[in-house]
Amino acid sequence: MDSILLFIGFLFELQITCFIEKKMQNTILKLSDKLPLTCSRAGNCCHGNKVLLNPWELACLAAEKKISAREFRDSYTEWCGVRLLFNGAVGYNGKQACSQYAVGTGCSVHVARPLACRLFPLGRQIQNNETIYMHQGTEFPCLDGCEEVLKLPHISVAEYLTEQQTGNWELAQNAYLEAIQLLADVAFELLLDSKLAESGDKKTLQQWRLMEKETPEQLAERIGQKWLDSLTVPDLTANILKPQLFCEQHVIRLQEQMQASFGNAQTLEELHDAAVLVMALALLLSVGVGAEPELLVNHWIDIAKSNGAQE
């Protein structure tokens, strides 16, 4: 099963944070590149965009708003907690503002804003353990709506990252990428290290294949409310200032819940149900870090088939 170890590198190469569209040409940047990154604070980027969230980011936003993570998820997110809701007042280009945007004052949770907001208009990708920053297209973004940034100080990418205090948010993003790997490993163990694959089972990979096209809401329905709460709103506020510890403790709790739920699974049906559930957890979490479920599922199935599973 050595090929499974290649999965995390594959996922890192897929992961892109921010508002960058993956199918468009991107401009790779050096940390020393100087760009018009001084924000004009017009608030245009707070309208009509897509901001994905990992569980630590959701917890940070809730803490800043002084409500529970569950309440924040249910009131201010869509896709079952993995994307900020944009249902505010209509503004720039006739688009609705982020649910956290206050007209006249700006972001109401600025201190806890997610990595996507901190990086904008840049994107971030990890390849071969190296973090790469980029922006969408060949021309610098923002100029259509915020042409005034050209008159503001140009700063380097490194200076911008420091200014935006991305450090802990990047640590959290990386930690949740690894968490997806751990969940996928559990699903592979349930399929490949049990008698399930040996039995000639085809249902498991067929279900994995179905999940590549499912919406976050459909994935959430698969796992049920109890698992959705465990995945998106773990009660770990004591560790909120330490993103890596938060994620590590989150993974431990998920592992404990999996052990309690199906650690003693013996029948083929029980093993099948567990393998499907865990992959659904991994997929829903992957949406929140910007990975593409379809590519992930195809990769997972290829690994499983190369290790004896059937579709």
Protein backbone atom coordinates (compact mmCIF):
# COMPACT_ATOMS: atom_id res chain seq x y z
CA MET A 1 0.00 0.00 0.00
CA ASP A 2 2.98 2.34 -0.44
CA SER A 3 1.14 4.18 -3.21
CA ILE A 4 -1.27 5.59 -0.64
CA LEU A 5 1.62 7.62 0.75
CA LEU A 6 1.70 9.57 -2.51
CA PHE A 7 -1.78 10.89 -1.84
CA ILE A 8 -0.81 13.79 0.38
CA GLY A 9 1.54 15.24 -2.23
CA PHE A 10 -1.20 14.92 -4.82
CA LEU A 11 -3.63 16.76 -2.57
CA PHE A 12 -1.14 19.53 -1.86
CA GLU A 13 -0.75 20.09 -5.59
CA LEU A 14 -4.51 20.41 -5.98
CA GLN A 15 -5.06 22.80 -3.10
CA ILE A 16 -5.51 26.44 -4.03
CA THR A 17 -6.74 28.95 -1.47
CA CYS A 18 -8.44 32.26 -2.24
CA PHE A 19 -10.78 33.29 -5.04
CA ILE A 20 -8.64 32.05 -7.92
CA GLU A 21 -10.47 30.03 -10.53
CA LYS A 22 -8.47 26.87 -11.11
CA LYS A 23 -9.18 26.69 -14.84
CA MET A 24 -7.82 30.16 -15.59
CA GLN A 25 -4.21 30.99 -16.30
CA ASN A 26 -2.35 32.08 -13.18
CA THR A 27 0.78 34.18 -12.71
CA ILE A 28 3.30 32.58 -10.35
CA LEU A 29 4.93 35.08 -8.00
CA LYS A 30 8.19 35.36 -6.09
CA LEU A 31 8.17 36.60 -2.51
CA SER A 32 10.29 39.53 -3.65
CA ASP A 33 7.86 40.63 -6.38
CA LYS A 34 6.47 44.10 -5.72
CA LEU A 35 2.82 44.64 -6.60
CA PRO A 36 0.02 47.17 -5.90
CA LEU A 37 -1.02 45.21 -2.81
CA THR A 38 -1.86 48.15 -0.57
CA CYS A 39 -5.63 47.86 -0.10
CA SER A 40 -7.80 50.86 -0.93
CA ARG A 41 -10.45 49.51 1.49
CA ALA A 42 -13.22 50.06 -1.03
CA GLY A 43 -14.84 46.78 0.02
CA ASN A 44 -15.42 45.62 -3.55
CA CYS A 45 -13.80 42.23 -2.93
CA CYS A 46 -16.29 41.69 -0.09
CA HIS A 47 -19.09 41.41 -2.67
CA GLY A 48 -19.99 38.36 -4.74
CA ASN A 49 -16.95 36.23 -3.93
CA LYS A 50 -16.52 32.73 -2.55
CA VAL A 51 -14.72 32.29 0.77
CA LEU A 52 -14.08 28.71 1.85
CA LEU A 53 -13.58 27.78 5.50
CA ASN A 54 -11.81 25.07 7.42
CA PRO A 55 -13.11 24.23 10.92
CA TRP A 56 -10.47 26.32 12.72
CA GLU A 57 -11.34 29.38 10.65
CA LEU A 58 -15.02 28.88 11.42
CA ALA A 59 -14.19 28.66 15.14
CA CYS A 60 -12.12 31.86 14.94
CA LEU A 61 -14.95 33.75 13.25
CA ALA A 62 -17.43 32.55 15.86
CA ALA A 63 -15.14 33.56 18.72
CA GLU A 64 -14.68 37.04 17.25
CA LYS A 65 -18.45 37.37 16.94
CA LYS A 66 -18.84 36.01 20.51
CA ILE A 67 -21.18 33.21 19.53
CA SER A 68 -20.77 29.44 19.34
CA ALA A 69 -19.24 27.82 16.28
CA ARG A 70 -22.50 25.96 15.72
CA GLU A 71 -24.48 29.22 15.75
CA PHE A 72 -22.03 30.85 13.36
CA ARG A 73 -22.19 27.88 11.02
CA ASP A 74 -25.97 27.78 11.00
CA SER A 75 -26.41 31.55 10.65
CA TYR A 76 -23.54 32.72 8.47
CA THR A 77 -22.34 29.87 6.28
CA GLU A 78 -23.59 27.74 3.42
CA TRP A 79 -22.50 24.35 2.11
CA CYS A 80 -22.95 23.02 5.66
CA GLY A 81 -20.22 25.14 7.19
CA VAL A 82 -17.48 25.15 4.56
CA ARG A 83 -18.28 28.45 2.80
CA LEU A 84 -19.14 31.92 4.08
CA LEU A 85 -22.61 33.11 3.21
CA PHE A 86 -22.80 36.18 0.95
CA ASN A 87 -26.29 37.46 1.70
CA GLY A 88 -25.55 41.04 2.69
CA ALA A 89 -26.58 44.30 1.07
CA VAL A 90 -26.21 44.62 -2.69
CA GLY A 91 -23.18 46.73 -3.56
CA TYR A 92 -20.28 46.53 -6.01
CA ASN A 93 -21.39 45.41 -9.49
CA GLY A 94 -24.83 44.60 -8.13
CA LYS A 95 -23.48 41.72 -6.02
CA GLN A 96 -24.39 40.86 -2.47
CA ALA A 97 -21.90 41.50 0.30
CA CYS A 98 -20.40 38.92 2.62
CA SER A 99 -22.59 38.20 5.64
CA GLN A 100 -19.88 39.76 7.82
CA TYR A 101 -19.59 43.01 5.83
CA ALA A 102 -21.07 46.13 7.38
CA VAL A 103 -21.85 48.98 5.00
CA GLY A 104 -19.79 52.04 5.88
CA THR A 105 -17.43 50.24 8.27
CA GLY A 106 -16.28 47.13 6.42
CA CYS A 107 -15.55 43.68 7.79
CA SER A 108 -17.11 43.14 11.21
CA VAL A 109 -14.77 40.22 11.98
CA HIS A 110 -11.60 41.62 10.44
CA VAL A 111 -9.27 40.28 13.15
CA ALA A 112 -10.51 36.74 12.49
CA ARG A 113 -10.95 36.97 8.72
CA PRO A 114 -10.18 33.71 6.86
CA LEU A 115 -7.03 32.99 4.88
CA ALA A 116 -8.82 33.61 1.58
CA CYS A 117 -9.58 37.18 2.68
CA ARG A 118 -6.06 37.72 4.02
CA LEU A 119 -4.48 36.59 0.76
CA PHE A 120 -6.82 38.27 -1.70
CA PRO A 121 -6.11 38.92 -4.55
CA LEU A 122 -3.42 36.26 -4.26
CA GLY A 123 -3.79 32.51 -4.27
CA ARG A 124 -1.69 29.87 -2.59
CA GLN A 125 -0.64 26.40 -3.69
CA ILE A 126 1.68 23.77 -2.24
CA GLN A 127 3.82 21.68 -4.56
CA ASN A 128 6.57 19.32 -3.38
CA ASN A 129 6.38 20.84 0.13
CA GLU A 130 6.96 24.33 -1.28
CA THR A 131 4.39 27.08 -0.90
CA ILE A 132 3.74 29.00 -4.11
CA TYR A 133 1.82 32.25 -4.37
CA MET A 134 0.10 33.48 -7.50
CA HIS A 135 -2.62 35.70 -8.86
CA GLN A 136 -5.32 35.03 -11.42
CA GLY A 137 -4.63 35.94 -15.03
CA THR A 138 -1.67 37.72 -16.52
CA GLU A 139 -2.78 41.18 -15.39
CA PHE A 140 -2.90 42.08 -11.71
CA PRO A 141 -6.43 41.65 -10.33
CA CYS A 142 -8.39 44.41 -8.58
CA LEU A 143 -7.70 47.03 -11.24
CA ASP A 144 -11.22 46.92 -12.69
CA GLY A 145 -12.89 47.75 -9.41
CA CYS A 146 -10.06 49.43 -7.49
CA GLU A 147 -7.90 51.26 -10.01
CA GLU A 148 -6.79 53.59 -7.22
CA VAL A 149 -4.47 50.88 -5.84
CA LEU A 150 -1.99 51.82 -8.58
CA LYS A 151 -1.45 55.12 -6.77
CA LEU A 152 -0.86 53.43 -3.41
CA PRO A 153 2.52 52.02 -2.23
CA HIS A 154 3.67 48.87 -4.01
CA ILE A 155 4.91 46.21 -1.58
CA SER A 156 6.49 42.79 -1.97
CA VAL A 157 4.52 39.57 -1.64
CA ALA A 158 6.52 38.77 1.52
CA GLU A 159 5.67 42.15 3.02
CA TYR A 160 2.02 41.66 2.17
CA LEU A 161 1.90 38.25 3.86
CA THR A 162 3.49 39.72 6.98
CA GLU A 163 1.10 42.65 6.95
CA GLN A 164 -1.89 40.34 6.58
CA GLN A 165 -0.61 38.04 9.37
CA THR A 166 -1.24 34.88 7.36
CA GLY A 167 1.07 32.66 9.46
CA ASN A 168 -1.43 30.89 11.74
CA TRP A 169 -4.00 30.70 8.96
CA GLU A 170 -1.54 28.98 6.64
CA LEU A 171 -0.58 26.58 9.44
CA ALA A 172 -4.23 25.68 9.91
CA GLN A 173 -4.75 25.14 6.20
CA ASN A 174 -1.76 22.82 6.00
CA ALA A 175 -2.87 20.95 9.10
CA TYR A 176 -6.30 20.29 7.62
CA LEU A 177 -4.75 19.05 4.39
CA GLU A 178 -2.95 16.47 6.48
CA ALA A 179 -6.20 15.70 8.32
CA ILE A 180 -7.82 14.82 4.99
CA GLN A 181 -4.94 12.41 4.39
CA LEU A 182 -5.54 10.75 7.76
CA LEU A 183 -9.24 10.33 7.06
CA ALA A 184 -8.51 8.88 3.63
CA ASP A 185 -6.05 6.43 5.21
CA VAL A 186 -8.78 5.17 7.54
CA ALA A 187 -11.11 4.62 4.60
CA PHE A 188 -8.39 2.71 2.73
CA GLU A 189 -7.76 0.54 5.79
CA LEU A 190 -11.45 -0.27 6.06
CA LEU A 191 -11.53 -1.29 2.41
CA LEU A 192 -8.11 -2.81 1.80
CA ASP A 193 -6.86 -4.10 5.15
CA SER A 194 -10.10 -5.88 5.98
CA LYS A 195 -11.87 -8.68 4.15
CA LEU A 196 -13.99 -6.19 2.22
CA ALA A 197 -11.83 -5.85 -0.89
CA GLU A 198 -10.94 -9.55 -0.80
CA SER A 199 -14.64 -10.42 -0.88
CA GLY A 200 -14.96 -8.96 -4.37
CA ASP A 201 -16.93 -5.97 -3.07
CA LYS A 202 -17.71 -3.41 -5.77
CA LYS A 203 -20.27 -1.33 -3.92
CA THR A 204 -17.72 0.72 -2.00
CA LEU A 205 -15.89 2.16 -4.99
CA GLN A 206 -19.22 2.70 -6.73
CA GLN A 207 -20.34 4.82 -3.80
CA TRP A 208 -17.06 6.72 -3.79
CA ARG A 209 -17.61 7.41 -7.49
CA LEU A 210 -21.09 8.79 -6.81
CA MET A 211 -19.69 11.17 -4.22
CA GLU A 212 -17.44 12.97 -6.69
CA LYS A 213 -20.47 14.81 -8.09
CA GLU A 214 -22.34 15.33 -4.82
CA THR A 215 -22.85 18.78 -3.35
CA PRO A 216 -21.64 19.57 0.17
CA GLU A 217 -25.27 19.36 1.28
CA GLN A 218 -25.55 15.84 -0.16
CA LEU A 219 -22.30 14.81 1.52
CA ALA A 220 -23.61 16.22 4.79
CA GLU A 221 -26.80 14.20 4.38
CA ARG A 222 -24.69 11.09 3.88
CA ILE A 223 -22.76 11.53 7.11
CA GLY A 224 -25.69 12.77 9.22
CA GLN A 225 -25.96 15.61 11.75
CA LYS A 226 -23.82 14.00 14.46
CA TRP A 227 -20.85 13.53 12.16
CA LEU A 228 -21.40 16.93 10.52
CA ASP A 229 -21.16 18.60 13.92
CA SER A 230 -18.03 16.61 14.79
CA LEU A 231 -16.42 17.61 11.48
CA THR A 232 -17.33 21.29 11.28
CA VAL A 233 -17.89 22.55 14.84
CA PRO A 234 -15.70 20.62 17.29
CA ASP A 235 -15.76 22.07 20.80
CA LEU A 236 -12.08 23.01 20.93
CA THR A 237 -12.19 26.72 21.74
CA ALA A 238 -9.50 26.28 24.41
CA ASN A 239 -7.00 25.61 21.61
CA ILE A 240 -8.15 28.35 19.26
CA LEU A 241 -4.90 30.33 19.56
CA LYS A 242 -2.90 27.27 18.46
CA PRO A 243 -4.18 26.16 15.05
CA GLN A 244 -1.98 23.06 14.74
CA LEU A 245 -2.99 21.85 18.19
CA PHE A 246 -6.63 22.62 17.39
CA CYS A 247 -6.43 20.46 14.27
CA GLU A 248 -4.50 17.67 16.00
CA GLN A 249 -7.08 17.50 18.77
CA HIS A 250 -9.85 17.62 16.16
CA VAL A 251 -8.39 14.62 14.36
CA ILE A 252 -8.01 12.72 17.64
CA ARG A 253 -11.66 13.30 18.44
CA LEU A 254 -12.73 12.12 15.01
CA GLN A 255 -10.58 9.02 15.40
CA GLU A 256 -12.10 8.31 18.81
CA GLN A 257 -15.58 8.70 17.38
CA MET A 258 -14.73 6.38 14.49
CA GLN A 259 -13.33 3.81 16.90
CA ALA A 260 -16.47 3.96 19.02
CA SER A 261 -18.77 3.83 15.99
CA PHE A 262 -17.22 1.10 13.88
CA GLY A 263 -13.95 0.00 15.47
CA ASN A 264 -15.44 -3.44 15.94
CA ALA A 265 -17.05 -3.67 12.51
CA GLN A 266 -16.91 -7.23 11.27
CA THR A 267 -19.57 -7.79 8.62
CA LEU A 268 -18.94 -6.74 5.04
CA GLU A 269 -21.91 -4.38 5.19
CA GLU A 270 -20.56 -2.68 8.30
CA LEU A 271 -17.13 -2.26 6.71
CA HIS A 272 -18.68 -0.91 3.52
CA ASP A 273 -20.82 1.63 5.38
CA ALA A 274 -17.82 2.79 7.41
CA ALA A 275 -15.54 3.16 4.36
CA VAL A 276 -18.18 5.25 2.58
CA LEU A 277 -18.83 7.41 5.63
CA VAL A 278 -15.15 8.20 6.20
CA MET A 279 -14.59 9.11 2.55
CA ALA A 280 -17.60 11.42 2.73
CA LEU A 281 -16.01 13.12 5.76
CA ALA A 282 -12.73 13.53 3.89
CA LEU A 283 -14.50 14.94 0.84
CA LEU A 284 -16.58 17.47 2.74
CA LEU A 285 -13.48 18.65 4.59
CA SER A 286 -11.57 18.86 1.31
CA VAL A 287 -14.14 21.28 -0.11
CA GLY A 288 -13.38 23.68 2.73
CA VAL A 289 -9.66 23.77 1.88
CA GLY A 290 -10.22 24.30 -1.83
CA ALA A 291 -9.51 20.83 -3.23
CA GLU A 292 -11.51 19.43 -6.14
CA PRO A 293 -13.60 16.42 -5.03
CA GLU A 294 -13.79 14.93 -8.52
CA LEU A 295 -10.01 14.77 -8.89
CA LEU A 296 -9.59 13.42 -5.38
CA VAL A 297 -12.18 10.68 -5.83
CA ASN A 298 -10.63 9.58 -9.11
CA HIS A 299 -7.22 9.44 -7.45
CA TRP A 300 -8.54 7.52 -4.44
CA ILE A 301 -10.26 4.98 -6.68
CA ASP A 302 -7.10 4.50 -8.75
CA ILE A 303 -5.14 3.80 -5.57
CA ALA A 304 -7.75 1.38 -4.27
CA LYS A 305 -7.92 -0.51 -7.58
CA SER A 306 -4.12 -0.73 -7.77
CA ASN A 307 -4.26 -2.41 -4.37
CA GLY A 308 -6.85 -5.01 -5.30
CA ALA A 309 -10.20 -3.31 -4.88
CA GLN A 310 -12.82 -3.67 -7.62
CA GLU A 311 -15.26 -1.24 -9.15
